[in-house]
Amino acid sequence: MKGKIADGEARERLTIWIRRRMLEFGITFDALETSIQEDLAHPPLYRDARGHDWNGVGPMPDWLTAARHAGLDPDFFRIEEPKEGPQHKRGVVYRQADLFE
């Protein structure tokens, strides 16, 4: 396993890197926790193929504004709530795939 980083070592390096960036940008654990709680309270309502998302709070982001000006309905990007379960048709299961979660 020469030349490869073990999972534990990779995790440790990542933790050190994250802590340094937090110090560099003045991010506290309280601010991080508040941000996470805010994200959980306002989940995204719109998402494009590149993974940009918007929760409907605040001004419309540039990617969605550009799509609207190009003639696309913003509802095209609306994330659908899962229905009762996967839909079945002739033995095939149809469901909305979300590659960014």
PDB file of N, CA and C in Angstrom:
ATOM      1  N   MET A   1       0.825  -1.179   0.000  1.00  0.00           N
ATOM      2  CA  MET A   1       0.000   0.000   0.000  1.00  0.00           C
ATOM      3  C   MET A   1       0.876   1.252   0.000  1.00  0.00           C
ATOM      4  N   LYS A   2       2.035   1.133  -0.526  1.00  0.00           N
ATOM      5  CA  LYS A   2       2.973   2.242  -0.573  1.00  0.00           C
ATOM      6  C   LYS A   2       2.471   3.310  -1.536  1.00  0.00           C
ATOM      7  N   GLY A   3       2.521   4.563  -1.099  1.00  0.00           N
ATOM      8  CA  GLY A   3       2.095   5.670  -1.948  1.00  0.00           C
ATOM      9  C   GLY A   3       0.619   6.007  -1.838  1.00  0.00           C
ATOM     10  N   LYS A   4      -0.144   5.204  -1.139  1.00  0.00           N
ATOM     11  CA  LYS A   4      -1.572   5.479  -0.976  1.00  0.00           C
ATOM     12  C   LYS A   4      -1.827   5.988   0.437  1.00  0.00           C
ATOM     13  N   ILE A   5      -2.838   6.819   0.560  1.00  0.00           N
ATOM     14  CA  ILE A   5      -3.210   7.360   1.858  1.00  0.00           C
ATOM     15  C   ILE A   5      -4.319   6.489   2.436  1.00  0.00           C
ATOM     16  N   ALA A   6      -4.123   6.032   3.660  1.00  0.00           N
ATOM     17  CA  ALA A   6      -5.143   5.231   4.331  1.00  0.00           C
ATOM     18  C   ALA A   6      -6.339   6.124   4.657  1.00  0.00           C
ATOM     19  N   ASP A   7      -7.533   5.524   4.784  1.00  0.00           N
ATOM     20  CA  ASP A   7      -8.751   6.284   5.064  1.00  0.00           C
ATOM     21  C   ASP A   7      -8.612   7.147   6.309  1.00  0.00           C
ATOM     22  N   GLY A   8      -8.046   6.603   7.366  1.00  0.00           N
ATOM     23  CA  GLY A   8      -7.888   7.360   8.605  1.00  0.00           C
ATOM     24  C   GLY A   8      -6.985   8.562   8.416  1.00  0.00           C
ATOM     25  N   GLU A   9      -5.911   8.384   7.672  1.00  0.00           N
ATOM     26  CA  GLU A   9      -4.983   9.490   7.421  1.00  0.00           C
ATOM     27  C   GLU A   9      -5.627  10.543   6.524  1.00  0.00           C
ATOM     28  N   ALA A  10      -6.376  10.114   5.529  1.00  0.00           N
ATOM     29  CA  ALA A  10      -7.064  11.053   4.640  1.00  0.00           C
ATOM     30  C   ALA A  10      -8.080  11.866   5.434  1.00  0.00           C
ATOM     31  N   ARG A  11      -8.787  11.220   6.329  1.00  0.00           N
ATOM     32  CA  ARG A  11      -9.777  11.909   7.165  1.00  0.00           C
ATOM     33  C   ARG A  11      -9.095  12.936   8.065  1.00  0.00           C
ATOM     34  N   GLU A  12      -7.969  12.560   8.624  1.00  0.00           N
ATOM     35  CA  GLU A  12      -7.228  13.472   9.499  1.00  0.00           C
ATOM     36  C   GLU A  12      -6.727  14.689   8.717  1.00  0.00           C
ATOM     37  N   ARG A  13      -6.186  14.450   7.522  1.00  0.00           N
ATOM     38  CA  ARG A  13      -5.711  15.556   6.688  1.00  0.00           C
ATOM     39  C   ARG A  13      -6.849  16.496   6.302  1.00  0.00           C
ATOM     40  N   LEU A  14      -8.002  15.914   5.974  1.00  0.00           N
ATOM     41  CA  LEU A  14      -9.158  16.730   5.612  1.00  0.00           C
ATOM     42  C   LEU A  14      -9.619  17.563   6.799  1.00  0.00           C
ATOM     43  N   THR A  15      -9.645  16.973   7.976  1.00  0.00           N
ATOM     44  CA  THR A  15     -10.051  17.697   9.185  1.00  0.00           C
ATOM     45  C   THR A  15      -9.121  18.873   9.444  1.00  0.00           C
ATOM     46  N   ILE A  16      -7.826  18.649   9.306  1.00  0.00           N
ATOM     47  CA  ILE A  16      -6.850  19.725   9.497  1.00  0.00           C
ATOM     48  C   ILE A  16      -7.075  20.823   8.462  1.00  0.00           C
ATOM     49  N   TRP A  17      -7.288  20.439   7.211  1.00  0.00           N
ATOM     50  CA  TRP A  17      -7.511  21.413   6.140  1.00  0.00           C
ATOM     51  C   TRP A  17      -8.755  22.248   6.422  1.00  0.00           C
ATOM     52  N   ILE A  18      -9.844  21.597   6.841  1.00  0.00           N
ATOM     53  CA  ILE A  18     -11.095  22.308   7.129  1.00  0.00           C
ATOM     54  C   ILE A  18     -10.901  23.278   8.284  1.00  0.00           C
ATOM     55  N   ARG A  19     -10.235  22.834   9.346  1.00  0.00           N
ATOM     56  CA  ARG A  19     -10.016  23.716  10.498  1.00  0.00           C
ATOM     57  C   ARG A  19      -9.167  24.927  10.112  1.00  0.00           C
ATOM     58  N   ARG A  20      -8.161  24.738   9.269  1.00  0.00           N
ATOM     59  CA  ARG A  20      -7.337  25.865   8.819  1.00  0.00           C
ATOM     60  C   ARG A  20      -8.153  26.843   7.995  1.00  0.00           C
ATOM     61  N   ARG A  21      -9.025  26.342   7.108  1.00  0.00           N
ATOM     62  CA  ARG A  21      -9.864  27.234   6.308  1.00  0.00           C
ATOM     63  C   ARG A  21     -10.844  27.985   7.205  1.00  0.00           C
ATOM     64  N   MET A  22     -11.376  27.311   8.224  1.00  0.00           N
ATOM     65  CA  MET A  22     -12.285  27.981   9.149  1.00  0.00           C
ATOM     66  C   MET A  22     -11.573  29.119   9.876  1.00  0.00           C
ATOM     67  N   LEU A  23     -10.338  28.867  10.315  1.00  0.00           N
ATOM     68  CA  LEU A  23      -9.555  29.924  10.965  1.00  0.00           C
ATOM     69  C   LEU A  23      -9.242  31.051   9.979  1.00  0.00           C
ATOM     70  N   GLU A  24      -8.875  30.680   8.769  1.00  0.00           N
ATOM     71  CA  GLU A  24      -8.520  31.660   7.745  1.00  0.00           C
ATOM     72  C   GLU A  24      -9.670  32.615   7.438  1.00  0.00           C
ATOM     73  N   PHE A  25     -10.902  32.080   7.388  1.00  0.00           N
ATOM     74  CA  PHE A  25     -12.056  32.887   7.028  1.00  0.00           C
ATOM     75  C   PHE A  25     -12.882  33.323   8.234  1.00  0.00           C
ATOM     76  N   GLY A  26     -12.417  32.990   9.445  1.00  0.00           N
ATOM     77  CA  GLY A  26     -13.111  33.418  10.656  1.00  0.00           C
ATOM     78  C   GLY A  26     -14.448  32.735  10.879  1.00  0.00           C
ATOM     79  N   ILE A  27     -14.558  31.492  10.466  1.00  0.00           N
ATOM     80  CA  ILE A  27     -15.805  30.744  10.636  1.00  0.00           C
ATOM     81  C   ILE A  27     -15.759  30.010  11.974  1.00  0.00           C
ATOM     82  N   THR A  28     -16.754  30.265  12.820  1.00  0.00           N
ATOM     83  CA  THR A  28     -16.828  29.591  14.114  1.00  0.00           C
ATOM     84  C   THR A  28     -17.746  28.381  14.008  1.00  0.00           C
ATOM     85  N   PHE A  29     -17.629  27.486  14.981  1.00  0.00           N
ATOM     86  CA  PHE A  29     -18.505  26.319  14.987  1.00  0.00           C
ATOM     87  C   PHE A  29     -19.957  26.733  15.196  1.00  0.00           C
ATOM     88  N   ASP A  30     -20.181  27.792  15.970  1.00  0.00           N
ATOM     89  CA  ASP A  30     -21.553  28.293  16.164  1.00  0.00           C
ATOM     90  C   ASP A  30     -22.140  28.804  14.854  1.00  0.00           C
ATOM     91  N   ALA A  31     -21.324  29.537  14.086  1.00  0.00           N
ATOM     92  CA  ALA A  31     -21.794  30.045  12.793  1.00  0.00           C
ATOM     93  C   ALA A  31     -22.076  28.891  11.839  1.00  0.00           C
ATOM     94  N   LEU A  32     -21.230  27.879  11.870  1.00  0.00           N
ATOM     95  CA  LEU A  32     -21.422  26.707  11.019  1.00  0.00           C
ATOM     96  C   LEU A  32     -22.713  25.976  11.388  1.00  0.00           C
ATOM     97  N   GLU A  33     -22.950  25.819  12.697  1.00  0.00           N
ATOM     98  CA  GLU A  33     -24.167  25.157  13.157  1.00  0.00           C
ATOM     99  C   GLU A  33     -25.411  25.949  12.763  1.00  0.00           C
ATOM    100  N   THR A  34     -25.342  27.273  12.900  1.00  0.00           N
ATOM    101  CA  THR A  34     -26.464  28.132  12.522  1.00  0.00           C
ATOM    102  C   THR A  34     -26.757  28.007  11.030  1.00  0.00           C
ATOM    103  N   SER A  35     -25.712  27.984  10.232  1.00  0.00           N
ATOM    104  CA  SER A  35     -25.879  27.854   8.783  1.00  0.00           C
ATOM    105  C   SER A  35     -26.515  26.517   8.418  1.00  0.00           C
ATOM    106  N   ILE A  36     -26.086  25.458   9.065  1.00  0.00           N
ATOM    107  CA  ILE A  36     -26.650  24.128   8.796  1.00  0.00           C
ATOM    108  C   ILE A  36     -28.124  24.092   9.183  1.00  0.00           C
ATOM    109  N   GLN A  37     -28.462  24.666  10.340  1.00  0.00           N
ATOM    110  CA  GLN A  37     -29.861  24.699  10.775  1.00  0.00           C
ATOM    111  C   GLN A  37     -30.718  25.512   9.801  1.00  0.00           C
ATOM    112  N   GLU A  38     -30.167  26.610   9.295  1.00  0.00           N
ATOM    113  CA  GLU A  38     -30.882  27.431   8.313  1.00  0.00           C
ATOM    114  C   GLU A  38     -31.139  26.631   7.033  1.00  0.00           C
ATOM    115  N   ASP A  39     -30.127  25.896   6.588  1.00  0.00           N
ATOM    116  CA  ASP A  39     -30.294  25.070   5.387  1.00  0.00           C
ATOM    117  C   ASP A  39     -31.343  23.983   5.596  1.00  0.00           C
ATOM    118  N   LEU A  40     -31.362  23.382   6.777  1.00  0.00           N
ATOM    119  CA  LEU A  40     -32.350  22.343   7.062  1.00  0.00           C
ATOM    120  C   LEU A  40     -33.762  22.916   7.140  1.00  0.00           C
ATOM    121  N   ALA A  41     -33.876  24.145   7.641  1.00  0.00           N
ATOM    122  CA  ALA A  41     -35.188  24.778   7.765  1.00  0.00           C
ATOM    123  C   ALA A  41     -35.736  25.231   6.410  1.00  0.00           C
ATOM    124  N   HIS A  42     -34.849  25.495   5.449  1.00  0.00           N
ATOM    125  CA  HIS A  42     -35.264  25.956   4.117  1.00  0.00           C
ATOM    126  C   HIS A  42     -34.604  25.084   3.048  1.00  0.00           C
ATOM    127  N   PRO A  43     -35.121  23.870   2.829  1.00  0.00           N
ATOM    128  CA  PRO A  43     -34.514  22.998   1.818  1.00  0.00           C
ATOM    129  C   PRO A  43     -34.693  23.579   0.414  1.00  0.00           C
ATOM    130  N   PRO A  44     -33.830  23.186  -0.515  1.00  0.00           N
ATOM    131  CA  PRO A  44     -33.927  23.735  -1.873  1.00  0.00           C
ATOM    132  C   PRO A  44     -35.233  23.356  -2.564  1.00  0.00           C
ATOM    133  N   LEU A  45     -35.759  24.298  -3.328  1.00  0.00           N
ATOM    134  CA  LEU A  45     -36.976  24.061  -4.103  1.00  0.00           C
ATOM    135  C   LEU A  45     -36.686  23.907  -5.591  1.00  0.00           C
ATOM    136  N   TYR A  46     -35.546  24.471  -6.035  1.00  0.00           N
ATOM    137  CA  TYR A  46     -35.169  24.442  -7.447  1.00  0.00           C
ATOM    138  C   TYR A  46     -33.733  23.931  -7.569  1.00  0.00           C
ATOM    139  N   ARG A  47     -33.457  23.162  -8.625  1.00  0.00           N
ATOM    140  CA  ARG A  47     -32.100  22.669  -8.855  1.00  0.00           C
ATOM    141  C   ARG A  47     -31.891  22.458 -10.344  1.00  0.00           C
ATOM    142  N   ASP A  48     -30.702  22.858 -10.832  1.00  0.00           N
ATOM    143  CA  ASP A  48     -30.385  22.631 -12.239  1.00  0.00           C
ATOM    144  C   ASP A  48     -29.477  21.417 -12.382  1.00  0.00           C
ATOM    145  N   ALA A  49     -29.117  21.100 -13.603  1.00  0.00           N
ATOM    146  CA  ALA A  49     -28.317  19.902 -13.876  1.00  0.00           C
ATOM    147  C   ALA A  49     -26.905  19.996 -13.322  1.00  0.00           C
ATOM    148  N   ARG A  50     -26.431  21.194 -13.081  1.00  0.00           N
ATOM    149  CA  ARG A  50     -25.080  21.363 -12.536  1.00  0.00           C
ATOM    150  C   ARG A  50     -25.033  21.325 -11.020  1.00  0.00           C
ATOM    151  N   GLY A  51     -26.187  21.202 -10.381  1.00  0.00           N
ATOM    152  CA  GLY A  51     -26.233  21.109  -8.925  1.00  0.00           C
ATOM    153  C   GLY A  51     -26.473  22.431  -8.227  1.00  0.00           C
ATOM    154  N   HIS A  52     -26.653  23.514  -8.991  1.00  0.00           N
ATOM    155  CA  HIS A  52     -27.008  24.782  -8.368  1.00  0.00           C
ATOM    156  C   HIS A  52     -28.424  24.647  -7.814  1.00  0.00           C
ATOM    157  N   ASP A  53     -28.632  25.136  -6.620  1.00  0.00           N
ATOM    158  CA  ASP A  53     -29.989  25.071  -6.089  1.00  0.00           C
ATOM    159  C   ASP A  53     -30.372  26.396  -5.440  1.00  0.00           C
ATOM    160  N   TRP A  54     -31.677  26.534  -5.211  1.00  0.00           N
ATOM    161  CA  TRP A  54     -32.220  27.740  -4.604  1.00  0.00           C
ATOM    162  C   TRP A  54     -33.427  27.339  -3.781  1.00  0.00           C
ATOM    163  N   ASN A  55     -33.528  27.919  -2.584  1.00  0.00           N
ATOM    164  CA  ASN A  55     -34.621  27.547  -1.694  1.00  0.00           C
ATOM    165  C   ASN A  55     -35.814  28.493  -1.782  1.00  0.00           C
ATOM    166  N   GLY A  56     -35.790  29.437  -2.701  1.00  0.00           N
ATOM    167  CA  GLY A  56     -36.911  30.347  -2.883  1.00  0.00           C
ATOM    168  C   GLY A  56     -36.855  31.558  -1.972  1.00  0.00           C
ATOM    169  N   VAL A  57     -35.863  31.638  -1.095  1.00  0.00           N
ATOM    170  CA  VAL A  57     -35.713  32.770  -0.190  1.00  0.00           C
ATOM    171  C   VAL A  57     -34.706  33.746  -0.786  1.00  0.00           C
ATOM    172  N   GLY A  58     -35.058  35.013  -0.797  1.00  0.00           N
ATOM    173  CA  GLY A  58     -34.149  36.018  -1.337  1.00  0.00           C
ATOM    174  C   GLY A  58     -34.304  36.152  -2.836  1.00  0.00           C
ATOM    175  N   PRO A  59     -33.431  36.967  -3.440  1.00  0.00           N
ATOM    176  CA  PRO A  59     -33.539  37.183  -4.876  1.00  0.00           C
ATOM    177  C   PRO A  59     -33.232  35.910  -5.671  1.00  0.00           C
ATOM    178  N   MET A  60     -33.862  35.812  -6.829  1.00  0.00           N
ATOM    179  CA  MET A  60     -33.642  34.656  -7.708  1.00  0.00           C
ATOM    180  C   MET A  60     -32.181  34.637  -8.151  1.00  0.00           C
ATOM    181  N   PRO A  61     -31.506  33.487  -8.075  1.00  0.00           N
ATOM    182  CA  PRO A  61     -30.097  33.429  -8.464  1.00  0.00           C
ATOM    183  C   PRO A  61     -29.901  33.607  -9.968  1.00  0.00           C
ATOM    184  N   ASP A  62     -28.676  33.960 -10.336  1.00  0.00           N
ATOM    185  CA  ASP A  62     -28.355  34.243 -11.737  1.00  0.00           C
ATOM    186  C   ASP A  62     -28.685  33.083 -12.669  1.00  0.00           C
ATOM    187  N   TRP A  63     -28.387  31.846 -12.252  1.00  0.00           N
ATOM    188  CA  TRP A  63     -28.609  30.702 -13.133  1.00  0.00           C
ATOM    189  C   TRP A  63     -30.095  30.535 -13.457  1.00  0.00           C
ATOM    190  N   LEU A  64     -30.957  30.809 -12.476  1.00  0.00           N
ATOM    191  CA  LEU A  64     -32.394  30.658 -12.709  1.00  0.00           C
ATOM    192  C   LEU A  64     -32.952  31.866 -13.467  1.00  0.00           C
ATOM    193  N   THR A  65     -32.415  33.044 -13.192  1.00  0.00           N
ATOM    194  CA  THR A  65     -32.820  34.242 -13.935  1.00  0.00           C
ATOM    195  C   THR A  65     -32.449  34.097 -15.406  1.00  0.00           C
ATOM    196  N   ALA A  66     -31.238  33.603 -15.677  1.00  0.00           N
ATOM    197  CA  ALA A  66     -30.800  33.402 -17.069  1.00  0.00           C
ATOM    198  C   ALA A  66     -31.694  32.389 -17.775  1.00  0.00           C
ATOM    199  N   ALA A  67     -32.068  31.330 -17.085  1.00  0.00           N
ATOM    200  CA  ALA A  67     -32.952  30.320 -17.681  1.00  0.00           C
ATOM    201  C   ALA A  67     -34.315  30.923 -17.989  1.00  0.00           C
ATOM    202  N   ARG A  68     -34.813  31.760 -17.076  1.00  0.00           N
ATOM    203  CA  ARG A  68     -36.111  32.407 -17.300  1.00  0.00           C
ATOM    204  C   ARG A  68     -36.050  33.346 -18.506  1.00  0.00           C
ATOM    205  N   HIS A  69     -34.952  34.105 -18.616  1.00  0.00           N
ATOM    206  CA  HIS A  69     -34.801  35.013 -19.759  1.00  0.00           C
ATOM    207  C   HIS A  69     -34.634  34.244 -21.068  1.00  0.00           C
ATOM    208  N   ALA A  70     -34.152  33.001 -20.980  1.00  0.00           N
ATOM    209  CA  ALA A  70     -34.001  32.169 -22.177  1.00  0.00           C
ATOM    210  C   ALA A  70     -35.321  31.515 -22.576  1.00  0.00           C
ATOM    211  N   GLY A  71     -36.383  31.770 -21.789  1.00  0.00           N
ATOM    212  CA  GLY A  71     -37.694  31.257 -22.146  1.00  0.00           C
ATOM    213  C   GLY A  71     -38.125  30.019 -21.372  1.00  0.00           C
ATOM    214  N   LEU A  72     -37.311  29.562 -20.421  1.00  0.00           N
ATOM    215  CA  LEU A  72     -37.692  28.397 -19.625  1.00  0.00           C
ATOM    216  C   LEU A  72     -38.523  28.827 -18.431  1.00  0.00           C
ATOM    217  N   ASP A  73     -39.517  28.048 -18.127  1.00  0.00           N
ATOM    218  CA  ASP A  73     -40.332  28.278 -16.941  1.00  0.00           C
ATOM    219  C   ASP A  73     -39.525  27.830 -15.725  1.00  0.00           C
ATOM    220  N   PRO A  74     -39.375  28.672 -14.692  1.00  0.00           N
ATOM    221  CA  PRO A  74     -38.626  28.259 -13.503  1.00  0.00           C
ATOM    222  C   PRO A  74     -39.156  26.970 -12.868  1.00  0.00           C
ATOM    223  N   ASP A  75     -40.437  26.681 -13.058  1.00  0.00           N
ATOM    224  CA  ASP A  75     -40.986  25.441 -12.504  1.00  0.00           C
ATOM    225  C   ASP A  75     -40.377  24.192 -13.141  1.00  0.00           C
ATOM    226  N   PHE A  76     -39.736  24.361 -14.299  1.00  0.00           N
ATOM    227  CA  PHE A  76     -39.023  23.243 -14.917  1.00  0.00           C
ATOM    228  C   PHE A  76     -37.937  22.718 -13.971  1.00  0.00           C
ATOM    229  N   PHE A  77     -37.365  23.603 -13.164  1.00  0.00           N
ATOM    230  CA  PHE A  77     -36.282  23.245 -12.254  1.00  0.00           C
ATOM    231  C   PHE A  77     -36.770  22.897 -10.849  1.00  0.00           C
ATOM    232  N   ARG A  78     -38.094  22.935 -10.638  1.00  0.00           N
ATOM    233  CA  ARG A  78     -38.628  22.660  -9.311  1.00  0.00           C
ATOM    234  C   ARG A  78     -38.377  21.211  -8.936  1.00  0.00           C
ATOM    235  N   ILE A  79     -37.919  21.028  -7.713  1.00  0.00           N
ATOM    236  CA  ILE A  79     -37.672  19.681  -7.199  1.00  0.00           C
ATOM    237  C   ILE A  79     -39.005  19.123  -6.736  1.00  0.00           C
ATOM    238  N   GLU A  80     -39.351  17.971  -7.269  1.00  0.00           N
ATOM    239  CA  GLU A  80     -40.638  17.368  -6.920  1.00  0.00           C
ATOM    240  C   GLU A  80     -40.529  16.626  -5.597  1.00  0.00           C
ATOM    241  N   GLU A  81     -41.582  16.743  -4.815  1.00  0.00           N
ATOM    242  CA  GLU A  81     -41.656  15.961  -3.585  1.00  0.00           C
ATOM    243  C   GLU A  81     -41.912  14.511  -3.966  1.00  0.00           C
ATOM    244  N   PRO A  82     -41.257  13.569  -3.292  1.00  0.00           N
ATOM    245  CA  PRO A  82     -41.517  12.170  -3.623  1.00  0.00           C
ATOM    246  C   PRO A  82     -42.979  11.826  -3.370  1.00  0.00           C
ATOM    247  N   LYS A  83     -43.547  11.086  -4.296  1.00  0.00           N
ATOM    248  CA  LYS A  83     -44.940  10.677  -4.141  1.00  0.00           C
ATOM    249  C   LYS A  83     -44.999   9.508  -3.158  1.00  0.00           C
ATOM    250  N   GLU A  84     -46.122   8.828  -3.079  1.00  0.00           N
ATOM    251  CA  GLU A  84     -46.294   7.759  -2.115  1.00  0.00           C
ATOM    252  C   GLU A  84     -45.200   6.702  -2.192  1.00  0.00           C
ATOM    253  N   GLY A  85     -44.610   6.556  -3.318  1.00  0.00           N
ATOM    254  CA  GLY A  85     -43.562   5.562  -3.512  1.00  0.00           C
ATOM    255  C   GLY A  85     -43.232   5.504  -4.991  1.00  0.00           C
ATOM    256  N   PRO A  86     -42.308   4.634  -5.376  1.00  0.00           N
ATOM    257  CA  PRO A  86     -41.982   4.524  -6.798  1.00  0.00           C
ATOM    258  C   PRO A  86     -43.198   4.097  -7.609  1.00  0.00           C
ATOM    259  N   GLN A  87     -43.344   4.651  -8.796  1.00  0.00           N
ATOM    260  CA  GLN A  87     -44.447   4.285  -9.666  1.00  0.00           C
ATOM    261  C   GLN A  87     -44.042   3.073 -10.492  1.00  0.00           C
ATOM    262  N   HIS A  88     -44.952   2.139 -10.627  1.00  0.00           N
ATOM    263  CA  HIS A  88     -44.672   0.912 -11.370  1.00  0.00           C
ATOM    264  C   HIS A  88     -45.475   0.907 -12.658  1.00  0.00           C
ATOM    265  N   LYS A  89     -44.848   0.464 -13.731  1.00  0.00           N
ATOM    266  CA  LYS A  89     -45.546   0.325 -15.002  1.00  0.00           C
ATOM    267  C   LYS A  89     -44.888  -0.824 -15.754  1.00  0.00           C
ATOM    268  N   ARG A  90     -45.637  -1.869 -15.977  1.00  0.00           N
ATOM    269  CA  ARG A  90     -45.156  -3.061 -16.692  1.00  0.00           C
ATOM    270  C   ARG A  90     -43.858  -3.606 -16.096  1.00  0.00           C
ATOM    271  N   GLY A  91     -43.799  -3.641 -14.770  1.00  0.00           N
ATOM    272  CA  GLY A  91     -42.642  -4.224 -14.106  1.00  0.00           C
ATOM    273  C   GLY A  91     -41.438  -3.309 -13.995  1.00  0.00           C
ATOM    274  N   VAL A  92     -41.553  -2.067 -14.512  1.00  0.00           N
ATOM    275  CA  VAL A  92     -40.444  -1.109 -14.434  1.00  0.00           C
ATOM    276  C   VAL A  92     -40.781  -0.086 -13.364  1.00  0.00           C
ATOM    277  N   VAL A  93     -39.803   0.235 -12.516  1.00  0.00           N
ATOM    278  CA  VAL A  93     -40.011   1.228 -11.459  1.00  0.00           C
ATOM    279  C   VAL A  93     -39.525   2.584 -11.961  1.00  0.00           C
ATOM    280  N   TYR A  94     -40.423   3.578 -11.920  1.00  0.00           N
ATOM    281  CA  TYR A  94     -40.086   4.938 -12.319  1.00  0.00           C
ATOM    282  C   TYR A  94     -40.013   5.805 -11.075  1.00  0.00           C
ATOM    283  N   ARG A  95     -38.920   6.550 -10.915  1.00  0.00           N
ATOM    284  CA  ARG A  95     -38.803   7.482  -9.803  1.00  0.00           C
ATOM    285  C   ARG A  95     -37.849   8.596 -10.218  1.00  0.00           C
ATOM    286  N   GLN A  96     -37.988   9.742  -9.538  1.00  0.00           N
ATOM    287  CA  GLN A  96     -37.121  10.879  -9.837  1.00  0.00           C
ATOM    288  C   GLN A  96     -35.771  10.629  -9.194  1.00  0.00           C
ATOM    289  N   ALA A  97     -34.732  10.636  -9.994  1.00  0.00           N
ATOM    290  CA  ALA A  97     -33.382  10.448  -9.466  1.00  0.00           C
ATOM    291  C   ALA A  97     -32.789  11.807  -9.132  1.00  0.00           C
ATOM    292  N   ASP A  98     -32.176  11.879  -7.977  1.00  0.00           N
ATOM    293  CA  ASP A  98     -31.511  13.113  -7.574  1.00  0.00           C
ATOM    294  C   ASP A  98     -30.046  12.794  -7.367  1.00  0.00           C
ATOM    295  N   LEU A  99     -29.207  13.227  -8.281  1.00  0.00           N
ATOM    296  CA  LEU A  99     -27.797  12.866  -8.267  1.00  0.00           C
ATOM    297  C   LEU A  99     -26.983  13.706  -7.306  1.00  0.00           C
ATOM    298  N   PHE A 100     -27.590  14.728  -6.718  1.00  0.00           N
ATOM    299  CA  PHE A 100     -26.820  15.662  -5.914  1.00  0.00           C
ATOM    300  C   PHE A 100     -27.070  15.508  -4.426  1.00  0.00           C
ATOM    301  N   GLU A 101     -27.694  14.457  -3.997  1.00  0.00           N
ATOM    302  CA  GLU A 101     -27.924  14.264  -2.572  1.00  0.00           C
ATOM    303  C   GLU A 101     -27.223  13.030  -2.101  1.00  0.00           C
TER     304      GLU A 101
END
